[in-house]
Amino acid sequence: MEHDGRNETLDDVVKRLVDETGISEADALELIYLLGLNWCSLVREARLLKGQARGS
């Protein structure tokens, strides 16, 4: 996955997803393993997951 013109490592993607959506690193990793590195899908699912956590 490319962001800002450079290749990101898995750790970079996890950190960016955590920073942008507020989910945990464990949840971010799980989403990546389930969905792959499609950023739009990851953000959508992370936001849904975060919303479910608030609703509980």
PDB file of N, CA and C in Angstrom:
ATOM      1  N   MET A   1       0.854  -1.175   0.000  1.00  0.00           N
ATOM      2  CA  MET A   1       0.000   0.000   0.000  1.00  0.00           C
ATOM      3  C   MET A   1       0.893   1.228   0.000  1.00  0.00           C
ATOM      4  N   GLU A   2       0.520   2.201  -0.805  1.00  0.00           N
ATOM      5  CA  GLU A   2       1.294   3.423  -0.859  1.00  0.00           C
ATOM      6  C   GLU A   2       0.551   4.566  -0.207  1.00  0.00           C
ATOM      7  N   HIS A   3       1.259   5.351   0.546  1.00  0.00           N
ATOM      8  CA  HIS A   3       0.696   6.542   1.197  1.00  0.00           C
ATOM      9  C   HIS A   3       1.790   7.592   1.199  1.00  0.00           C
ATOM     10  N   ASP A   4       1.468   8.770   0.774  1.00  0.00           N
ATOM     11  CA  ASP A   4       2.455   9.856   0.696  1.00  0.00           C
ATOM     12  C   ASP A   4       3.657   9.484  -0.172  1.00  0.00           C
ATOM     13  N   GLY A   5       3.414   8.676  -1.216  1.00  0.00           N
ATOM     14  CA  GLY A   5       4.478   8.356  -2.157  1.00  0.00           C
ATOM     15  C   GLY A   5       5.506   7.359  -1.657  1.00  0.00           C
ATOM     16  N   ARG A   6       5.213   6.628  -0.613  1.00  0.00           N
ATOM     17  CA  ARG A   6       6.177   5.626  -0.126  1.00  0.00           C
ATOM     18  C   ARG A   6       5.435   4.341   0.201  1.00  0.00           C
ATOM     19  N   ASN A   7       6.174   3.249   0.238  1.00  0.00           N
ATOM     20  CA  ASN A   7       5.568   1.974   0.588  1.00  0.00           C
ATOM     21  C   ASN A   7       5.433   1.870   2.097  1.00  0.00           C
ATOM     22  N   GLU A   8       4.258   1.436   2.538  1.00  0.00           N
ATOM     23  CA  GLU A   8       4.003   1.295   3.970  1.00  0.00           C
ATOM     24  C   GLU A   8       4.194  -0.159   4.400  1.00  0.00           C
ATOM     25  N   THR A   9       4.727  -0.328   5.596  1.00  0.00           N
ATOM     26  CA  THR A   9       4.800  -1.656   6.191  1.00  0.00           C
ATOM     27  C   THR A   9       3.464  -1.948   6.863  1.00  0.00           C
ATOM     28  N   LEU A  10       3.281  -3.184   7.265  1.00  0.00           N
ATOM     29  CA  LEU A  10       2.065  -3.563   7.981  1.00  0.00           C
ATOM     30  C   LEU A  10       1.923  -2.717   9.242  1.00  0.00           C
ATOM     31  N   ASP A  11       3.008  -2.501   9.954  1.00  0.00           N
ATOM     32  CA  ASP A  11       2.968  -1.669  11.167  1.00  0.00           C
ATOM     33  C   ASP A  11       2.512  -0.248  10.864  1.00  0.00           C
ATOM     34  N   ASP A  12       2.957   0.290   9.722  1.00  0.00           N
ATOM     35  CA  ASP A  12       2.538   1.640   9.321  1.00  0.00           C
ATOM     36  C   ASP A  12       1.035   1.697   9.085  1.00  0.00           C
ATOM     37  N   VAL A  13       0.514   0.678   8.408  1.00  0.00           N
ATOM     38  CA  VAL A  13      -0.919   0.646   8.101  1.00  0.00           C
ATOM     39  C   VAL A  13      -1.719   0.515   9.390  1.00  0.00           C
ATOM     40  N   VAL A  14      -1.271  -0.346  10.292  1.00  0.00           N
ATOM     41  CA  VAL A  14      -1.949  -0.516  11.580  1.00  0.00           C
ATOM     42  C   VAL A  14      -1.970   0.809  12.329  1.00  0.00           C
ATOM     43  N   LYS A  15      -0.816   1.460  12.412  1.00  0.00           N
ATOM     44  CA  LYS A  15      -0.737   2.732  13.149  1.00  0.00           C
ATOM     45  C   LYS A  15      -1.639   3.788  12.524  1.00  0.00           C
ATOM     46  N   ARG A  16      -1.639   3.879  11.198  1.00  0.00           N
ATOM     47  CA  ARG A  16      -2.467   4.883  10.520  1.00  0.00           C
ATOM     48  C   ARG A  16      -3.952   4.593  10.738  1.00  0.00           C
ATOM     49  N   LEU A  17      -4.336   3.314  10.699  1.00  0.00           N
ATOM     50  CA  LEU A  17      -5.735   2.953  10.920  1.00  0.00           C
ATOM     51  C   LEU A  17      -6.157   3.258  12.357  1.00  0.00           C
ATOM     52  N   VAL A  18      -5.300   2.947  13.311  1.00  0.00           N
ATOM     53  CA  VAL A  18      -5.570   3.250  14.719  1.00  0.00           C
ATOM     54  C   VAL A  18      -5.694   4.762  14.918  1.00  0.00           C
ATOM     55  N   ASP A  19      -4.744   5.513  14.370  1.00  0.00           N
ATOM     56  CA  ASP A  19      -4.758   6.973  14.523  1.00  0.00           C
ATOM     57  C   ASP A  19      -5.986   7.605  13.886  1.00  0.00           C
ATOM     58  N   GLU A  20      -6.360   7.114  12.720  1.00  0.00           N
ATOM     59  CA  GLU A  20      -7.463   7.735  11.983  1.00  0.00           C
ATOM     60  C   GLU A  20      -8.834   7.347  12.526  1.00  0.00           C
ATOM     61  N   THR A  21      -8.967   6.134  13.082  1.00  0.00           N
ATOM     62  CA  THR A  21     -10.303   5.660  13.460  1.00  0.00           C
ATOM     63  C   THR A  21     -10.484   5.449  14.959  1.00  0.00           C
ATOM     64  N   GLY A  22      -9.391   5.337  15.714  1.00  0.00           N
ATOM     65  CA  GLY A  22      -9.510   5.159  17.157  1.00  0.00           C
ATOM     66  C   GLY A  22      -9.739   3.725  17.609  1.00  0.00           C
ATOM     67  N   ILE A  23      -9.611   2.749  16.687  1.00  0.00           N
ATOM     68  CA  ILE A  23      -9.752   1.355  17.105  1.00  0.00           C
ATOM     69  C   ILE A  23      -8.436   0.878  17.715  1.00  0.00           C
ATOM     70  N   SER A  24      -8.461  -0.283  18.334  1.00  0.00           N
ATOM     71  CA  SER A  24      -7.245  -0.820  18.939  1.00  0.00           C
ATOM     72  C   SER A  24      -6.330  -1.418  17.872  1.00  0.00           C
ATOM     73  N   GLU A  25      -5.063  -1.593  18.208  1.00  0.00           N
ATOM     74  CA  GLU A  25      -4.122  -2.225  17.282  1.00  0.00           C
ATOM     75  C   GLU A  25      -4.557  -3.652  16.959  1.00  0.00           C
ATOM     76  N   ALA A  26      -5.060  -4.368  17.967  1.00  0.00           N
ATOM     77  CA  ALA A  26      -5.511  -5.742  17.743  1.00  0.00           C
ATOM     78  C   ALA A  26      -6.669  -5.772  16.750  1.00  0.00           C
ATOM     79  N   ASP A  27      -7.609  -4.841  16.908  1.00  0.00           N
ATOM     80  CA  ASP A  27      -8.737  -4.769  15.976  1.00  0.00           C
ATOM     81  C   ASP A  27      -8.264  -4.391  14.575  1.00  0.00           C
ATOM     82  N   ALA A  28      -7.318  -3.471  14.501  1.00  0.00           N
ATOM     83  CA  ALA A  28      -6.778  -3.062  13.199  1.00  0.00           C
ATOM     84  C   ALA A  28      -6.130  -4.248  12.489  1.00  0.00           C
ATOM     85  N   LEU A  29      -5.329  -5.006  13.214  1.00  0.00           N
ATOM     86  CA  LEU A  29      -4.684  -6.185  12.626  1.00  0.00           C
ATOM     87  C   LEU A  29      -5.716  -7.205  12.157  1.00  0.00           C
ATOM     88  N   GLU A  30      -6.730  -7.420  12.959  1.00  0.00           N
ATOM     89  CA  GLU A  30      -7.765  -8.379  12.588  1.00  0.00           C
ATOM     90  C   GLU A  30      -8.467  -7.938  11.302  1.00  0.00           C
ATOM     91  N   LEU A  31      -8.786  -6.655  11.203  1.00  0.00           N
ATOM     92  CA  LEU A  31      -9.431  -6.161   9.987  1.00  0.00           C
ATOM     93  C   LEU A  31      -8.521  -6.322   8.767  1.00  0.00           C
ATOM     94  N   ILE A  32      -7.245  -6.051   8.937  1.00  0.00           N
ATOM     95  CA  ILE A  32      -6.302  -6.191   7.828  1.00  0.00           C
ATOM     96  C   ILE A  32      -6.232  -7.647   7.378  1.00  0.00           C
ATOM     97  N   TYR A  33      -6.193  -8.574   8.321  1.00  0.00           N
ATOM     98  CA  TYR A  33      -6.146  -9.986   7.958  1.00  0.00           C
ATOM     99  C   TYR A  33      -7.439 -10.436   7.284  1.00  0.00           C
ATOM    100  N   LEU A  34      -8.563  -9.852   7.673  1.00  0.00           N
ATOM    101  CA  LEU A  34      -9.844 -10.221   7.075  1.00  0.00           C
ATOM    102  C   LEU A  34     -10.067  -9.564   5.712  1.00  0.00           C
ATOM    103  N   LEU A  35      -9.673  -8.284   5.578  1.00  0.00           N
ATOM    104  CA  LEU A  35     -10.021  -7.497   4.395  1.00  0.00           C
ATOM    105  C   LEU A  35      -8.866  -7.246   3.442  1.00  0.00           C
ATOM    106  N   GLY A  36      -7.657  -7.476   3.895  1.00  0.00           N
ATOM    107  CA  GLY A  36      -6.505  -7.104   3.077  1.00  0.00           C
ATOM    108  C   GLY A  36      -6.173  -5.643   3.290  1.00  0.00           C
ATOM    109  N   LEU A  37      -5.508  -5.048   2.317  1.00  0.00           N
ATOM    110  CA  LEU A  37      -5.008  -3.687   2.480  1.00  0.00           C
ATOM    111  C   LEU A  37      -5.816  -2.654   1.711  1.00  0.00           C
ATOM    112  N   ASN A  38      -7.064  -2.937   1.449  1.00  0.00           N
ATOM    113  CA  ASN A  38      -7.920  -1.959   0.793  1.00  0.00           C
ATOM    114  C   ASN A  38      -8.286  -0.891   1.822  1.00  0.00           C
ATOM    115  N   TRP A  39      -7.670   0.286   1.673  1.00  0.00           N
ATOM    116  CA  TRP A  39      -7.787   1.328   2.702  1.00  0.00           C
ATOM    117  C   TRP A  39      -9.236   1.753   2.930  1.00  0.00           C
ATOM    118  N   CYS A  40      -9.989   1.940   1.871  1.00  0.00           N
ATOM    119  CA  CYS A  40     -11.384   2.387   2.020  1.00  0.00           C
ATOM    120  C   CYS A  40     -12.200   1.365   2.813  1.00  0.00           C
ATOM    121  N   SER A  41     -12.009   0.097   2.519  1.00  0.00           N
ATOM    122  CA  SER A  41     -12.725  -0.951   3.246  1.00  0.00           C
ATOM    123  C   SER A  41     -12.293  -1.004   4.701  1.00  0.00           C
ATOM    124  N   LEU A  42     -11.001  -0.858   4.940  1.00  0.00           N
ATOM    125  CA  LEU A  42     -10.493  -0.889   6.315  1.00  0.00           C
ATOM    126  C   LEU A  42     -11.081   0.246   7.143  1.00  0.00           C
ATOM    127  N   VAL A  43     -11.084   1.443   6.588  1.00  0.00           N
ATOM    128  CA  VAL A  43     -11.611   2.598   7.319  1.00  0.00           C
ATOM    129  C   VAL A  43     -13.105   2.434   7.566  1.00  0.00           C
ATOM    130  N   ARG A  44     -13.843   1.990   6.544  1.00  0.00           N
ATOM    131  CA  ARG A  44     -15.290   1.792   6.698  1.00  0.00           C
ATOM    132  C   ARG A  44     -15.578   0.803   7.825  1.00  0.00           C
ATOM    133  N   GLU A  45     -14.915  -0.347   7.801  1.00  0.00           N
ATOM    134  CA  GLU A  45     -15.164  -1.370   8.812  1.00  0.00           C
ATOM    135  C   GLU A  45     -14.678  -0.939  10.188  1.00  0.00           C
ATOM    136  N   ALA A  46     -13.575  -0.217  10.242  1.00  0.00           N
ATOM    137  CA  ALA A  46     -13.058   0.267  11.523  1.00  0.00           C
ATOM    138  C   ALA A  46     -14.041   1.248  12.158  1.00  0.00           C
ATOM    139  N   ARG A  47     -14.620   2.114  11.339  1.00  0.00           N
ATOM    140  CA  ARG A  47     -15.597   3.075  11.862  1.00  0.00           C
ATOM    141  C   ARG A  47     -16.857   2.374  12.342  1.00  0.00           C
ATOM    142  N   LEU A  48     -17.273   1.341  11.613  1.00  0.00           N
ATOM    143  CA  LEU A  48     -18.424   0.550  12.058  1.00  0.00           C
ATOM    144  C   LEU A  48     -18.113  -0.144  13.381  1.00  0.00           C
ATOM    145  N   LEU A  49     -16.924  -0.711  13.468  1.00  0.00           N
ATOM    146  CA  LEU A  49     -16.505  -1.395  14.691  1.00  0.00           C
ATOM    147  C   LEU A  49     -16.446  -0.423  15.863  1.00  0.00           C
ATOM    148  N   LYS A  50     -15.913   0.750  15.630  1.00  0.00           N
ATOM    149  CA  LYS A  50     -15.816   1.764  16.687  1.00  0.00           C
ATOM    150  C   LYS A  50     -17.215   2.198  17.127  1.00  0.00           C
ATOM    151  N   GLY A  51     -18.112   2.346  16.176  1.00  0.00           N
ATOM    152  CA  GLY A  51     -19.486   2.714  16.496  1.00  0.00           C
ATOM    153  C   GLY A  51     -20.184   1.655  17.319  1.00  0.00           C
ATOM    154  N   GLN A  52     -19.908   0.398  17.031  1.00  0.00           N
ATOM    155  CA  GLN A  52     -20.503  -0.702  17.822  1.00  0.00           C
ATOM    156  C   GLN A  52     -19.952  -0.702  19.224  1.00  0.00           C
ATOM    157  N   ALA A  53     -18.682  -0.375  19.381  1.00  0.00           N
ATOM    158  CA  ALA A  53     -18.063  -0.350  20.705  1.00  0.00           C
ATOM    159  C   ALA A  53     -18.680   0.754  21.562  1.00  0.00           C
ATOM    160  N   ARG A  54     -18.988   1.900  20.952  1.00  0.00           N
ATOM    161  CA  ARG A  54     -19.607   3.000  21.689  1.00  0.00           C
ATOM    162  C   ARG A  54     -21.046   2.674  22.069  1.00  0.00           C
ATOM    163  N   GLY A  55     -21.724   1.926  21.212  1.00  0.00           N
ATOM    164  CA  GLY A  55     -23.112   1.588  21.462  1.00  0.00           C
ATOM    165  C   GLY A  55     -23.297   0.523  22.518  1.00  0.00           C
ATOM    166  N   SER A  56     -22.230  -0.175  22.884  1.00  0.00           N
ATOM    167  CA  SER A  56     -22.331  -1.262  23.869  1.00  0.00           C
ATOM    168  C   SER A  56     -22.411  -0.745  25.274  1.00  0.00           C
TER     169      SER A  56
END
